[in-house]
Amino acid sequence: MQAWRVHTHGEPREVMRLDEVPEPEPREGEVRLRVRAAGVNFPDALLCRGQYQIRPPLPFTPGVEVCGETEDGRRVIANPSLPHGGFAEYVTAPEAALLPAPDALDDAEAAALHIGYQTGWFGLHRRARLQPGETLLVHASAGGVGSAAVQLGKAAGATVIGVAGGKDKAAAAEALGCDLVIDRTSEDVAARVKEFTGGRGADVVYDPVGGDAYAASAKCVAFEGRILVVGFASGRVPAPALNHALIKNYSVVGLHWGLYAAKDPAAVLACHAELTRLAAEGAVKPLIGARVPLTGAADAVQRVADGTSTGRLVVVPGEAVAADGAVAAGGAVVPEAPARNGGDA
């Protein structure tokens, strides 16, 4: 079979190589899946760089979430067992952790539902305790992680402010249903949030970016607000001024979604059931920025690493074709129209 493998650490486009390798053999408690679609996530770039908290032995295949097909024909969502990641024709995954792919979503959308939406749901509901009527500020709102938080925030009854970088990404965030979109390249984020909220600020801030995004968040978080630390896509880990949190009475809340699989697996199952329900109702629908063939995986991971992608990029191996025919040939990336909150394409 074909699989992308990292033979040395570095930038994805430079270190990922498409190899011919044997199909992976399941270990005890695992099953082999045919990959129908594999979501591209920022951790894939960190894996390539050797900067992720998990460092699989070289060579390894990145790709941390897939929609796959079991040997008995079931369509499932899974986190592949590294070093046999999802940018391949076949993967192995723990059988006990397989989740049924929602019928309301196609393969690419189902793959993209898992990490980003589970992270959003646990972050907003378990960690930040978002309430109906509160104001939610989402950084990188047109990205794969941010777009999920926007939809989940709207589904929870929040007023959602989206921050995006550039006109195209701002347009995508607006199409998702944001009540206000701020273009950070031309507007002062903190000033616009305060203006929109009548000086109160945002009750919950969803920050997968860090760096300057966190600094802006601290300036415009509301009294008793919560800044949710989700990741550091900017490459800079902020150092919060705890005296500032004390003076303004706000909380800085961390989120590591991966811990729930070990510490509260029942909650992961309950979350998936809720996401499946929301997908069936049309309240959430992953924003697929582009679907690419297996040959385009390295370029897709590099785009995510560089922060130039909109929505979730998804690798679709083999002959699988999206419902709208938007799978590229020869490694090219074909963009799709942004999906509106509520399921419109």
C-alpha atoms as a PDB file:
ATOM      1  CA  MET A   1       0.000   0.000   0.000  1.00  0.00           C
ATOM      2  CA  GLN A   2       1.004   3.671  -0.224  1.00  0.00           C
ATOM      3  CA  ALA A   3       1.718   5.670   2.909  1.00  0.00           C
ATOM      4  CA  TRP A   4       3.374   9.004   3.646  1.00  0.00           C
ATOM      5  CA  ARG A   5       6.286   8.567   6.023  1.00  0.00           C
ATOM      6  CA  VAL A   6       8.525  10.961   7.928  1.00  0.00           C
ATOM      7  CA  HIS A   7      12.136   9.787   7.860  1.00  0.00           C
ATOM      8  CA  THR A   8      13.663  12.806   9.611  1.00  0.00           C
ATOM      9  CA  HIS A   9      12.151  15.733  11.471  1.00  0.00           C
ATOM     10  CA  GLY A  10      11.527  19.044   9.735  1.00  0.00           C
ATOM     11  CA  GLU A  11       8.945  20.958   7.726  1.00  0.00           C
ATOM     12  CA  PRO A  12       6.188  18.637   6.416  1.00  0.00           C
ATOM     13  CA  ARG A  13       6.722  19.327   2.724  1.00  0.00           C
ATOM     14  CA  GLU A  14      10.433  18.580   3.089  1.00  0.00           C
ATOM     15  CA  VAL A  15      10.329  15.461   5.276  1.00  0.00           C
ATOM     16  CA  MET A  16       7.165  13.613   4.228  1.00  0.00           C
ATOM     17  CA  ARG A  17       7.757  10.971   1.538  1.00  0.00           C
ATOM     18  CA  LEU A  18       5.190   8.788  -0.207  1.00  0.00           C
ATOM     19  CA  ASP A  19       6.422   5.208   0.185  1.00  0.00           C
ATOM     20  CA  GLU A  20       5.247   1.747  -0.790  1.00  0.00           C
ATOM     21  CA  VAL A  21       4.947  -0.226   2.461  1.00  0.00           C
ATOM     22  CA  PRO A  22       3.200  -3.384   3.739  1.00  0.00           C
ATOM     23  CA  GLU A  23      -0.275  -3.013   5.222  1.00  0.00           C
ATOM     24  CA  PRO A  24      -0.017  -2.551   9.008  1.00  0.00           C
ATOM     25  CA  GLU A  25      -0.765  -5.602  11.135  1.00  0.00           C
ATOM     26  CA  PRO A  26      -3.218  -5.052  14.015  1.00  0.00           C
ATOM     27  CA  ARG A  27      -1.909  -5.736  17.498  1.00  0.00           C
ATOM     28  CA  GLU A  28      -4.050  -7.265  20.224  1.00  0.00           C
ATOM     29  CA  GLY A  29      -7.180  -5.167  20.700  1.00  0.00           C
ATOM     30  CA  GLU A  30      -6.752  -3.385  17.358  1.00  0.00           C
ATOM     31  CA  VAL A  31      -8.465  -3.585  13.985  1.00  0.00           C
ATOM     32  CA  ARG A  32      -7.292  -2.684  10.502  1.00  0.00           C
ATOM     33  CA  LEU A  33      -9.239   0.013   8.669  1.00  0.00           C
ATOM     34  CA  ARG A  34      -9.334   1.089   5.055  1.00  0.00           C
ATOM     35  CA  VAL A  35      -8.924   4.854   5.144  1.00  0.00           C
ATOM     36  CA  ARG A  36     -11.855   6.639   3.522  1.00  0.00           C
ATOM     37  CA  ALA A  37     -10.756  10.119   4.637  1.00  0.00           C
ATOM     38  CA  ALA A  38      -8.087  11.561   6.946  1.00  0.00           C
ATOM     39  CA  GLY A  39      -8.328  14.998   8.537  1.00  0.00           C
ATOM     40  CA  VAL A  40      -5.241  17.237   8.556  1.00  0.00           C
ATOM     41  CA  ASN A  41      -4.554  18.724  11.987  1.00  0.00           C
ATOM     42  CA  PHE A  42      -1.907  21.046  13.402  1.00  0.00           C
ATOM     43  CA  PRO A  43      -0.503  18.174  15.525  1.00  0.00           C
ATOM     44  CA  ASP A  44       0.440  16.475  12.232  1.00  0.00           C
ATOM     45  CA  ALA A  45       2.793  19.365  11.514  1.00  0.00           C
ATOM     46  CA  LEU A  46       4.182  19.187  15.048  1.00  0.00           C
ATOM     47  CA  LEU A  47       4.756  15.441  14.618  1.00  0.00           C
ATOM     48  CA  CYS A  48       6.736  16.133  11.442  1.00  0.00           C
ATOM     49  CA  ARG A  49       8.818  18.719  13.281  1.00  0.00           C
ATOM     50  CA  GLY A  50       9.384  16.458  16.292  1.00  0.00           C
ATOM     51  CA  GLN A  51       7.646  19.015  18.523  1.00  0.00           C
ATOM     52  CA  TYR A  52       4.558  17.063  19.558  1.00  0.00           C
ATOM     53  CA  GLN A  53       4.158  15.536  23.028  1.00  0.00           C
ATOM     54  CA  ILE A  54       4.166  12.118  21.339  1.00  0.00           C
ATOM     55  CA  ARG A  55       7.300  11.268  19.336  1.00  0.00           C
ATOM     56  CA  PRO A  56       6.779   8.049  17.354  1.00  0.00           C
ATOM     57  CA  PRO A  57       9.926   6.270  16.155  1.00  0.00           C
ATOM     58  CA  LEU A  58      11.199   7.169  12.693  1.00  0.00           C
ATOM     59  CA  PRO A  59      10.008   6.484  10.091  1.00  0.00           C
ATOM     60  CA  PHE A  60       6.340   7.049  10.905  1.00  0.00           C
ATOM     61  CA  THR A  61       3.147   8.053   9.138  1.00  0.00           C
ATOM     62  CA  PRO A  62       1.347  11.173  10.452  1.00  0.00           C
ATOM     63  CA  GLY A  63      -2.423  11.571  10.412  1.00  0.00           C
ATOM     64  CA  VAL A  64      -4.238  11.542  13.758  1.00  0.00           C
ATOM     65  CA  GLU A  65      -7.901  11.211  12.741  1.00  0.00           C
ATOM     66  CA  VAL A  66      -9.673   9.186  10.068  1.00  0.00           C
ATOM     67  CA  CYS A  67     -12.995   8.034   8.808  1.00  0.00           C
ATOM     68  CA  GLY A  68     -12.354   4.406   7.923  1.00  0.00           C
ATOM     69  CA  GLU A  69     -14.065   1.181   6.994  1.00  0.00           C
ATOM     70  CA  THR A  70     -13.729  -1.999   9.021  1.00  0.00           C
ATOM     71  CA  GLU A  71     -13.231  -5.369   7.369  1.00  0.00           C
ATOM     72  CA  ASP A  72     -16.885  -6.164   8.073  1.00  0.00           C
ATOM     73  CA  GLY A  73     -18.031  -2.963   6.317  1.00  0.00           C
ATOM     74  CA  ARG A  74     -18.729  -0.556   9.165  1.00  0.00           C
ATOM     75  CA  ARG A  75     -17.989   3.146   8.617  1.00  0.00           C
ATOM     76  CA  VAL A  76     -16.207   4.456  11.718  1.00  0.00           C
ATOM     77  CA  ILE A  77     -14.213   7.380  13.119  1.00  0.00           C
ATOM     78  CA  ALA A  78     -10.892   6.551  14.740  1.00  0.00           C
ATOM     79  CA  ASN A  79      -7.561   7.841  15.983  1.00  0.00           C
ATOM     80  CA  PRO A  80      -4.981   5.627  14.234  1.00  0.00           C
ATOM     81  CA  SER A  81      -2.312   3.842  16.247  1.00  0.00           C
ATOM     82  CA  LEU A  82       0.964   5.644  15.593  1.00  0.00           C
ATOM     83  CA  PRO A  83       3.403   5.070  13.956  1.00  0.00           C
ATOM     84  CA  HIS A  84       0.789   3.975  11.369  1.00  0.00           C
ATOM     85  CA  GLY A  85      -1.061   7.275  10.960  1.00  0.00           C
ATOM     86  CA  GLY A  86      -3.906   8.209   8.671  1.00  0.00           C
ATOM     87  CA  PHE A  87      -2.115   9.497   5.564  1.00  0.00           C
ATOM     88  CA  ALA A  88      -2.100   6.009   4.097  1.00  0.00           C
ATOM     89  CA  GLU A  89      -4.440   3.548   2.455  1.00  0.00           C
ATOM     90  CA  TYR A  90      -4.791   1.418   5.611  1.00  0.00           C
ATOM     91  CA  VAL A  91      -4.328   2.043   9.345  1.00  0.00           C
ATOM     92  CA  THR A  92      -4.754   0.202  12.610  1.00  0.00           C
ATOM     93  CA  ALA A  93      -6.750   1.568  15.546  1.00  0.00           C
ATOM     94  CA  PRO A  94      -7.942   0.404  18.982  1.00  0.00           C
ATOM     95  CA  GLU A  95     -11.207  -1.467  18.482  1.00  0.00           C
ATOM     96  CA  ALA A  96     -12.691  -0.271  21.785  1.00  0.00           C
ATOM     97  CA  ALA A  97     -12.276   3.372  20.749  1.00  0.00           C
ATOM     98  CA  LEU A  98     -14.015   3.152  17.358  1.00  0.00           C
ATOM     99  CA  LEU A  99     -16.939   5.553  16.967  1.00  0.00           C
ATOM    100  CA  PRO A 100     -19.747   5.164  14.410  1.00  0.00           C
ATOM    101  CA  ALA A 101     -19.516   7.754  11.639  1.00  0.00           C
ATOM    102  CA  PRO A 102     -22.641   9.958  11.619  1.00  0.00           C
ATOM    103  CA  ASP A 103     -25.002   9.160   8.749  1.00  0.00           C
ATOM    104  CA  ALA A 104     -25.595  12.885   8.205  1.00  0.00           C
ATOM    105  CA  LEU A 105     -21.961  13.479   7.207  1.00  0.00           C
ATOM    106  CA  ASP A 106     -19.900  12.244   4.268  1.00  0.00           C
ATOM    107  CA  ASP A 107     -16.487  10.652   4.816  1.00  0.00           C
ATOM    108  CA  ALA A 108     -14.481  13.890   4.819  1.00  0.00           C
ATOM    109  CA  GLU A 109     -16.927  15.612   7.151  1.00  0.00           C
ATOM    110  CA  ALA A 110     -17.020  12.608   9.486  1.00  0.00           C
ATOM    111  CA  ALA A 111     -13.209  12.556   9.724  1.00  0.00           C
ATOM    112  CA  ALA A 112     -13.202  16.274  10.510  1.00  0.00           C
ATOM    113  CA  LEU A 113     -15.874  15.930  13.204  1.00  0.00           C
ATOM    114  CA  HIS A 114     -13.690  14.115  15.690  1.00  0.00           C
ATOM    115  CA  ILE A 115     -10.752  16.020  17.201  1.00  0.00           C
ATOM    116  CA  GLY A 116     -11.820  19.591  16.430  1.00  0.00           C
ATOM    117  CA  TYR A 117     -15.417  19.183  17.557  1.00  0.00           C
ATOM    118  CA  GLN A 118     -14.630  17.044  20.587  1.00  0.00           C
ATOM    119  CA  THR A 119     -12.057  19.654  21.610  1.00  0.00           C
ATOM    120  CA  GLY A 120     -14.634  22.387  21.124  1.00  0.00           C
ATOM    121  CA  TRP A 121     -17.355  20.589  23.031  1.00  0.00           C
ATOM    122  CA  PHE A 122     -15.183  19.699  26.027  1.00  0.00           C
ATOM    123  CA  GLY A 123     -13.619  23.147  26.023  1.00  0.00           C
ATOM    124  CA  LEU A 124     -16.839  25.123  25.869  1.00  0.00           C
ATOM    125  CA  HIS A 125     -19.019  22.903  28.032  1.00  0.00           C
ATOM    126  CA  ARG A 126     -16.773  20.991  30.446  1.00  0.00           C
ATOM    127  CA  ARG A 127     -14.013  23.538  30.991  1.00  0.00           C
ATOM    128  CA  ALA A 128     -15.455  26.995  30.290  1.00  0.00           C
ATOM    129  CA  ARG A 129     -19.084  26.193  31.233  1.00  0.00           C
ATOM    130  CA  LEU A 130     -20.467  28.354  28.430  1.00  0.00           C
ATOM    131  CA  GLN A 131     -24.058  29.466  29.102  1.00  0.00           C
ATOM    132  CA  PRO A 132     -26.832  30.520  26.705  1.00  0.00           C
ATOM    133  CA  GLY A 133     -26.769  34.270  26.153  1.00  0.00           C
ATOM    134  CA  GLU A 134     -23.068  34.648  26.942  1.00  0.00           C
ATOM    135  CA  THR A 135     -20.613  36.139  24.472  1.00  0.00           C
ATOM    136  CA  LEU A 136     -18.013  33.774  23.023  1.00  0.00           C
ATOM    137  CA  LEU A 137     -14.885  35.076  21.278  1.00  0.00           C
ATOM    138  CA  VAL A 138     -13.220  32.568  18.927  1.00  0.00           C
ATOM    139  CA  HIS A 139      -9.721  33.168  17.581  1.00  0.00           C
ATOM    140  CA  ALA A 140      -8.817  31.628  14.206  1.00  0.00           C
ATOM    141  CA  SER A 141     -12.543  31.269  13.643  1.00  0.00           C
ATOM    142  CA  ALA A 142     -12.165  30.218   9.996  1.00  0.00           C
ATOM    143  CA  GLY A 143      -9.732  27.393  10.769  1.00  0.00           C
ATOM    144  CA  GLY A 144     -10.541  23.753  11.421  1.00  0.00           C
ATOM    145  CA  VAL A 145     -10.548  24.097  15.220  1.00  0.00           C
ATOM    146  CA  GLY A 146     -12.025  27.588  15.372  1.00  0.00           C
ATOM    147  CA  SER A 147     -14.866  26.901  12.927  1.00  0.00           C
ATOM    148  CA  ALA A 148     -15.968  23.978  15.108  1.00  0.00           C
ATOM    149  CA  ALA A 149     -16.050  26.243  18.177  1.00  0.00           C
ATOM    150  CA  VAL A 150     -18.115  28.818  16.285  1.00  0.00           C
ATOM    151  CA  GLN A 151     -20.768  26.261  15.348  1.00  0.00           C
ATOM    152  CA  LEU A 152     -20.831  24.713  18.818  1.00  0.00           C
ATOM    153  CA  GLY A 153     -21.101  28.150  20.404  1.00  0.00           C
ATOM    154  CA  LYS A 154     -24.070  29.058  18.223  1.00  0.00           C
ATOM    155  CA  ALA A 155     -25.677  25.693  18.980  1.00  0.00           C
ATOM    156  CA  ALA A 156     -25.280  26.461  22.702  1.00  0.00           C
ATOM    157  CA  GLY A 157     -27.122  29.779  22.360  1.00  0.00           C
ATOM    158  CA  ALA A 158     -24.104  32.067  22.653  1.00  0.00           C
ATOM    159  CA  THR A 159     -23.414  35.300  20.807  1.00  0.00           C
ATOM    160  CA  VAL A 160     -20.271  34.509  18.826  1.00  0.00           C
ATOM    161  CA  ILE A 161     -17.508  36.904  17.833  1.00  0.00           C
ATOM    162  CA  GLY A 162     -15.078  35.453  15.308  1.00  0.00           C
ATOM    163  CA  VAL A 163     -11.523  36.674  14.771  1.00  0.00           C
ATOM    164  CA  ALA A 164      -9.943  35.880  11.399  1.00  0.00           C
ATOM    165  CA  GLY A 165      -6.880  36.939   9.425  1.00  0.00           C
ATOM    166  CA  GLY A 166      -7.729  38.536   6.072  1.00  0.00           C
ATOM    167  CA  LYS A 167     -10.825  39.184   3.982  1.00  0.00           C
ATOM    168  CA  ASP A 168     -11.282  35.634   2.689  1.00  0.00           C
ATOM    169  CA  LYS A 169     -11.098  34.073   6.136  1.00  0.00           C
ATOM    170  CA  ALA A 170     -13.347  36.790   7.553  1.00  0.00           C
ATOM    171  CA  ALA A 171     -15.919  35.960   4.865  1.00  0.00           C
ATOM    172  CA  ALA A 172     -15.735  32.266   5.809  1.00  0.00           C
ATOM    173  CA  ALA A 173     -16.256  33.117   9.490  1.00  0.00           C
ATOM    174  CA  GLU A 174     -19.259  35.266   8.620  1.00  0.00           C
ATOM    175  CA  ALA A 175     -20.736  32.423   6.564  1.00  0.00           C
ATOM    176  CA  LEU A 176     -20.420  30.143   9.594  1.00  0.00           C
ATOM    177  CA  GLY A 177     -22.859  32.362  11.464  1.00  0.00           C
ATOM    178  CA  CYS A 178     -20.664  34.623  13.599  1.00  0.00           C
ATOM    179  CA  ASP A 179     -22.597  37.575  15.004  1.00  0.00           C
ATOM    180  CA  LEU A 180     -19.523  39.749  14.543  1.00  0.00           C
ATOM    181  CA  VAL A 181     -16.343  39.075  12.569  1.00  0.00           C
ATOM    182  CA  ILE A 182     -13.124  40.962  13.313  1.00  0.00           C
ATOM    183  CA  ASP A 183     -10.291  40.984  10.773  1.00  0.00           C
ATOM    184  CA  ARG A 184      -7.212  41.022  12.987  1.00  0.00           C
ATOM    185  CA  THR A 185      -5.054  42.217  10.069  1.00  0.00           C
ATOM    186  CA  SER A 186      -6.881  45.547   9.881  1.00  0.00           C
ATOM    187  CA  GLU A 187      -8.809  45.960  13.157  1.00  0.00           C
ATOM    188  CA  ASP A 188      -7.998  46.227  16.862  1.00  0.00           C
ATOM    189  CA  VAL A 189      -9.475  43.026  18.312  1.00  0.00           C
ATOM    190  CA  ALA A 190      -9.856  44.204  21.918  1.00  0.00           C
ATOM    191  CA  ALA A 191     -11.364  47.574  20.921  1.00  0.00           C
ATOM    192  CA  ARG A 192     -13.920  45.962  18.583  1.00  0.00           C
ATOM    193  CA  VAL A 193     -14.943  43.396  21.221  1.00  0.00           C
ATOM    194  CA  LYS A 194     -15.482  46.099  23.838  1.00  0.00           C
ATOM    195  CA  GLU A 195     -17.424  48.223  21.358  1.00  0.00           C
ATOM    196  CA  PHE A 196     -19.665  45.293  20.376  1.00  0.00           C
ATOM    197  CA  THR A 197     -20.336  44.253  23.981  1.00  0.00           C
ATOM    198  CA  GLY A 198     -20.913  47.742  25.351  1.00  0.00           C
ATOM    199  CA  GLY A 199     -17.655  47.633  27.293  1.00  0.00           C
ATOM    200  CA  ARG A 200     -18.368  44.336  29.047  1.00  0.00           C
ATOM    201  CA  GLY A 201     -16.068  42.088  27.021  1.00  0.00           C
ATOM    202  CA  ALA A 202     -16.279  38.396  26.114  1.00  0.00           C
ATOM    203  CA  ASP A 203     -17.485  35.903  28.717  1.00  0.00           C
ATOM    204  CA  VAL A 204     -15.536  33.036  27.136  1.00  0.00           C
ATOM    205  CA  VAL A 205     -12.495  33.270  24.866  1.00  0.00           C
ATOM    206  CA  TYR A 206     -11.539  30.231  22.777  1.00  0.00           C
ATOM    207  CA  ASP A 207      -7.851  30.525  21.928  1.00  0.00           C
ATOM    208  CA  PRO A 208      -6.062  27.905  19.806  1.00  0.00           C
ATOM    209  CA  VAL A 209      -3.470  30.494  18.712  1.00  0.00           C
ATOM    210  CA  GLY A 210      -1.587  31.917  21.712  1.00  0.00           C
ATOM    211  CA  GLY A 211       0.917  34.753  21.242  1.00  0.00           C
ATOM    212  CA  ASP A 212      -0.729  38.041  20.275  1.00  0.00           C
ATOM    213  CA  ALA A 213      -4.181  36.427  20.337  1.00  0.00           C
ATOM    214  CA  TYR A 214      -3.834  35.708  24.062  1.00  0.00           C
ATOM    215  CA  ALA A 215      -2.651  39.254  24.734  1.00  0.00           C
ATOM    216  CA  ALA A 216      -5.754  40.633  22.995  1.00  0.00           C
ATOM    217  CA  SER A 217      -7.951  38.206  24.936  1.00  0.00           C
ATOM    218  CA  ALA A 218      -6.674  39.432  28.292  1.00  0.00           C
ATOM    219  CA  LYS A 219      -7.547  42.985  27.277  1.00  0.00           C
ATOM    220  CA  CYS A 220     -11.177  42.219  26.434  1.00  0.00           C
ATOM    221  CA  VAL A 221     -12.269  39.319  28.659  1.00  0.00           C
ATOM    222  CA  ALA A 222     -15.299  40.122  30.792  1.00  0.00           C
ATOM    223  CA  PHE A 223     -15.555  40.230  34.578  1.00  0.00           C
ATOM    224  CA  GLU A 224     -15.567  36.580  35.724  1.00  0.00           C
ATOM    225  CA  GLY A 225     -14.806  35.558  32.140  1.00  0.00           C
ATOM    226  CA  ARG A 226     -12.861  32.484  31.103  1.00  0.00           C
ATOM    227  CA  ILE A 227      -9.924  32.381  28.667  1.00  0.00           C
ATOM    228  CA  LEU A 228      -9.740  28.860  27.297  1.00  0.00           C
ATOM    229  CA  VAL A 229      -6.196  27.862  26.321  1.00  0.00           C
ATOM    230  CA  VAL A 230      -6.545  25.322  23.494  1.00  0.00           C
ATOM    231  CA  GLY A 231      -3.221  25.505  21.648  1.00  0.00           C
ATOM    232  CA  PHE A 232      -0.384  27.612  20.295  1.00  0.00           C
ATOM    233  CA  ALA A 233      -0.694  27.638  16.517  1.00  0.00           C
ATOM    234  CA  SER A 234       1.163  30.966  16.437  1.00  0.00           C
ATOM    235  CA  GLY A 235       4.263  29.187  17.710  1.00  0.00           C
ATOM    236  CA  ARG A 236       4.474  31.418  20.786  1.00  0.00           C
ATOM    237  CA  VAL A 237       3.391  30.212  24.229  1.00  0.00           C
ATOM    238  CA  PRO A 238       2.167  33.221  26.241  1.00  0.00           C
ATOM    239  CA  ALA A 239       3.185  33.882  29.828  1.00  0.00           C
ATOM    240  CA  PRO A 240      -0.026  35.053  31.547  1.00  0.00           C
ATOM    241  CA  ALA A 241       0.252  37.931  33.992  1.00  0.00           C
ATOM    242  CA  LEU A 242      -1.497  36.368  36.973  1.00  0.00           C
ATOM    243  CA  ASN A 243      -1.761  39.720  38.742  1.00  0.00           C
ATOM    244  CA  HIS A 244      -3.900  40.861  35.798  1.00  0.00           C
ATOM    245  CA  ALA A 245      -6.187  37.833  36.189  1.00  0.00           C
ATOM    246  CA  LEU A 246      -6.493  38.653  39.891  1.00  0.00           C
ATOM    247  CA  ILE A 247      -7.338  42.313  39.318  1.00  0.00           C
ATOM    248  CA  LYS A 248      -9.940  41.623  36.596  1.00  0.00           C
ATOM    249  CA  ASN A 249     -11.449  38.473  38.160  1.00  0.00           C
ATOM    250  CA  TYR A 250     -11.090  36.188  35.160  1.00  0.00           C
ATOM    251  CA  SER A 251      -9.933  32.591  34.825  1.00  0.00           C
ATOM    252  CA  VAL A 252      -7.292  31.055  32.562  1.00  0.00           C
ATOM    253  CA  VAL A 253      -8.485  27.519  31.821  1.00  0.00           C
ATOM    254  CA  GLY A 254      -6.423  24.816  30.144  1.00  0.00           C
ATOM    255  CA  LEU A 255      -7.733  22.108  27.841  1.00  0.00           C
ATOM    256  CA  HIS A 256      -6.026  18.885  26.771  1.00  0.00           C
ATOM    257  CA  TRP A 257      -8.756  16.879  25.070  1.00  0.00           C
ATOM    258  CA  GLY A 258      -6.589  13.780  24.677  1.00  0.00           C
ATOM    259  CA  LEU A 259      -6.593  13.187  28.436  1.00  0.00           C
ATOM    260  CA  TYR A 260     -10.322  12.437  28.463  1.00  0.00           C
ATOM    261  CA  ALA A 261      -9.853   9.201  26.529  1.00  0.00           C
ATOM    262  CA  ALA A 262      -7.828   7.849  29.480  1.00  0.00           C
ATOM    263  CA  LYS A 263      -9.454   9.619  32.415  1.00  0.00           C
ATOM    264  CA  ASP A 264     -13.125   9.737  31.386  1.00  0.00           C
ATOM    265  CA  PRO A 265     -13.763   7.603  28.262  1.00  0.00           C
ATOM    266  CA  ALA A 266     -17.503   7.545  28.934  1.00  0.00           C
ATOM    267  CA  ALA A 267     -17.539  11.307  28.475  1.00  0.00           C
ATOM    268  CA  VAL A 268     -15.919  10.915  25.040  1.00  0.00           C
ATOM    269  CA  LEU A 269     -18.687   8.540  23.997  1.00  0.00           C
ATOM    270  CA  ALA A 270     -21.354  10.894  25.355  1.00  0.00           C
ATOM    271  CA  CYS A 271     -19.758  13.795  23.500  1.00  0.00           C
ATOM    272  CA  HIS A 272     -19.781  11.837  20.229  1.00  0.00           C
ATOM    273  CA  ALA A 273     -23.457  11.020  20.712  1.00  0.00           C
ATOM    274  CA  GLU A 274     -24.200  14.720  21.215  1.00  0.00           C
ATOM    275  CA  LEU A 275     -22.165  15.709  18.159  1.00  0.00           C
ATOM    276  CA  THR A 276     -23.954  13.058  16.093  1.00  0.00           C
ATOM    277  CA  ARG A 277     -27.288  14.520  17.209  1.00  0.00           C
ATOM    278  CA  LEU A 278     -26.208  18.060  16.346  1.00  0.00           C
ATOM    279  CA  ALA A 279     -24.977  16.895  12.935  1.00  0.00           C
ATOM    280  CA  ALA A 280     -28.290  15.147  12.240  1.00  0.00           C
ATOM    281  CA  GLU A 281     -30.130  18.358  13.121  1.00  0.00           C
ATOM    282  CA  GLY A 282     -27.868  20.438  10.889  1.00  0.00           C
ATOM    283  CA  ALA A 283     -26.586  22.498  13.820  1.00  0.00           C
ATOM    284  CA  VAL A 284     -22.985  21.504  13.073  1.00  0.00           C
ATOM    285  CA  LYS A 285     -21.339  20.594   9.795  1.00  0.00           C
ATOM    286  CA  PRO A 286     -17.547  20.608   9.462  1.00  0.00           C
ATOM    287  CA  LEU A 287     -16.198  23.359   7.255  1.00  0.00           C
ATOM    288  CA  ILE A 288     -14.126  21.485   4.671  1.00  0.00           C
ATOM    289  CA  GLY A 289     -11.679  23.920   3.129  1.00  0.00           C
ATOM    290  CA  ALA A 290     -10.423  21.391   0.571  1.00  0.00           C
ATOM    291  CA  ARG A 291     -10.344  17.677  -0.169  1.00  0.00           C
ATOM    292  CA  VAL A 292      -7.071  16.384  -1.551  1.00  0.00           C
ATOM    293  CA  PRO A 293      -5.949  13.016  -2.920  1.00  0.00           C
ATOM    294  CA  LEU A 294      -3.353  10.976  -1.064  1.00  0.00           C
ATOM    295  CA  THR A 295      -0.635  12.428  -3.302  1.00  0.00           C
ATOM    296  CA  GLY A 296      -1.392  15.923  -1.954  1.00  0.00           C
ATOM    297  CA  ALA A 297      -1.074  15.106   1.758  1.00  0.00           C
ATOM    298  CA  ALA A 298       2.358  16.682   2.324  1.00  0.00           C
ATOM    299  CA  ASP A 299       1.286  19.982   0.777  1.00  0.00           C
ATOM    300  CA  ALA A 300      -1.910  19.943   2.851  1.00  0.00           C
ATOM    301  CA  VAL A 301       0.001  19.437   6.113  1.00  0.00           C
ATOM    302  CA  GLN A 302       2.371  22.252   5.151  1.00  0.00           C
ATOM    303  CA  ARG A 303      -0.555  24.615   4.501  1.00  0.00           C
ATOM    304  CA  VAL A 304      -1.922  23.892   7.960  1.00  0.00           C
ATOM    305  CA  ALA A 305       1.549  24.394   9.442  1.00  0.00           C
ATOM    306  CA  ASP A 306       1.845  27.750   7.667  1.00  0.00           C
ATOM    307  CA  GLY A 307      -1.628  28.897   8.746  1.00  0.00           C
ATOM    308  CA  THR A 308      -2.818  29.475   5.175  1.00  0.00           C
ATOM    309  CA  SER A 309      -5.729  27.013   5.174  1.00  0.00           C
ATOM    310  CA  THR A 310      -9.398  27.750   5.742  1.00  0.00           C
ATOM    311  CA  GLY A 311     -11.535  25.158   7.469  1.00  0.00           C
ATOM    312  CA  ARG A 312     -10.330  21.564   7.670  1.00  0.00           C
ATOM    313  CA  LEU A 313      -8.222  20.071   4.890  1.00  0.00           C
ATOM    314  CA  VAL A 314      -9.023  16.390   4.365  1.00  0.00           C
ATOM    315  CA  VAL A 315      -7.038  13.726   2.523  1.00  0.00           C
ATOM    316  CA  VAL A 316      -9.268  11.347   0.546  1.00  0.00           C
ATOM    317  CA  PRO A 317      -7.272   8.289  -0.637  1.00  0.00           C
ATOM    318  CA  GLY A 318      -8.093   5.885  -3.417  1.00  0.00           C
ATOM    319  CA  GLU A 319     -11.018   6.432  -5.731  1.00  0.00           C
ATOM    320  CA  ALA A 320     -13.276   8.083  -3.157  1.00  0.00           C
ATOM    321  CA  VAL A 321     -14.915  11.261  -4.451  1.00  0.00           C
ATOM    322  CA  ALA A 322     -16.813  13.852  -2.431  1.00  0.00           C
ATOM    323  CA  ALA A 323     -20.500  14.332  -3.064  1.00  0.00           C
ATOM    324  CA  ASP A 324     -19.791  17.566  -4.921  1.00  0.00           C
ATOM    325  CA  GLY A 325     -16.891  16.069  -6.880  1.00  0.00           C
ATOM    326  CA  ALA A 326     -14.362  18.352  -5.177  1.00  0.00           C
ATOM    327  CA  VAL A 327     -11.503  15.870  -4.963  1.00  0.00           C
ATOM    328  CA  ALA A 328      -8.433  17.104  -6.795  1.00  0.00           C
ATOM    329  CA  ALA A 329      -6.217  15.141  -9.146  1.00  0.00           C
ATOM    330  CA  GLY A 330      -2.440  15.069  -9.257  1.00  0.00           C
ATOM    331  CA  GLY A 331      -1.977  16.489  -5.773  1.00  0.00           C
ATOM    332  CA  ALA A 332      -3.711  19.820  -6.399  1.00  0.00           C
ATOM    333  CA  VAL A 333      -5.916  21.310  -3.719  1.00  0.00           C
ATOM    334  CA  VAL A 334      -9.463  22.222  -4.716  1.00  0.00           C
ATOM    335  CA  PRO A 335     -11.155  24.710  -2.362  1.00  0.00           C
ATOM    336  CA  GLU A 336     -14.805  24.397  -1.489  1.00  0.00           C
ATOM    337  CA  ALA A 337     -17.399  27.022  -0.728  1.00  0.00           C
ATOM    338  CA  PRO A 338     -17.670  27.763   2.996  1.00  0.00           C
ATOM    339  CA  ALA A 339     -20.498  25.970   4.771  1.00  0.00           C
ATOM    340  CA  ARG A 340     -22.918  28.095   6.727  1.00  0.00           C
ATOM    341  CA  ASN A 341     -23.881  27.231  10.272  1.00  0.00           C
ATOM    342  CA  GLY A 342     -26.913  25.056   9.841  1.00  0.00           C
ATOM    343  CA  GLY A 343     -25.445  22.856   7.127  1.00  0.00           C
ATOM    344  CA  ASP A 344     -25.741  24.874   3.911  1.00  0.00           C
ATOM    345  CA  ALA A 345     -22.844  24.279   1.535  1.00  0.00           C
END
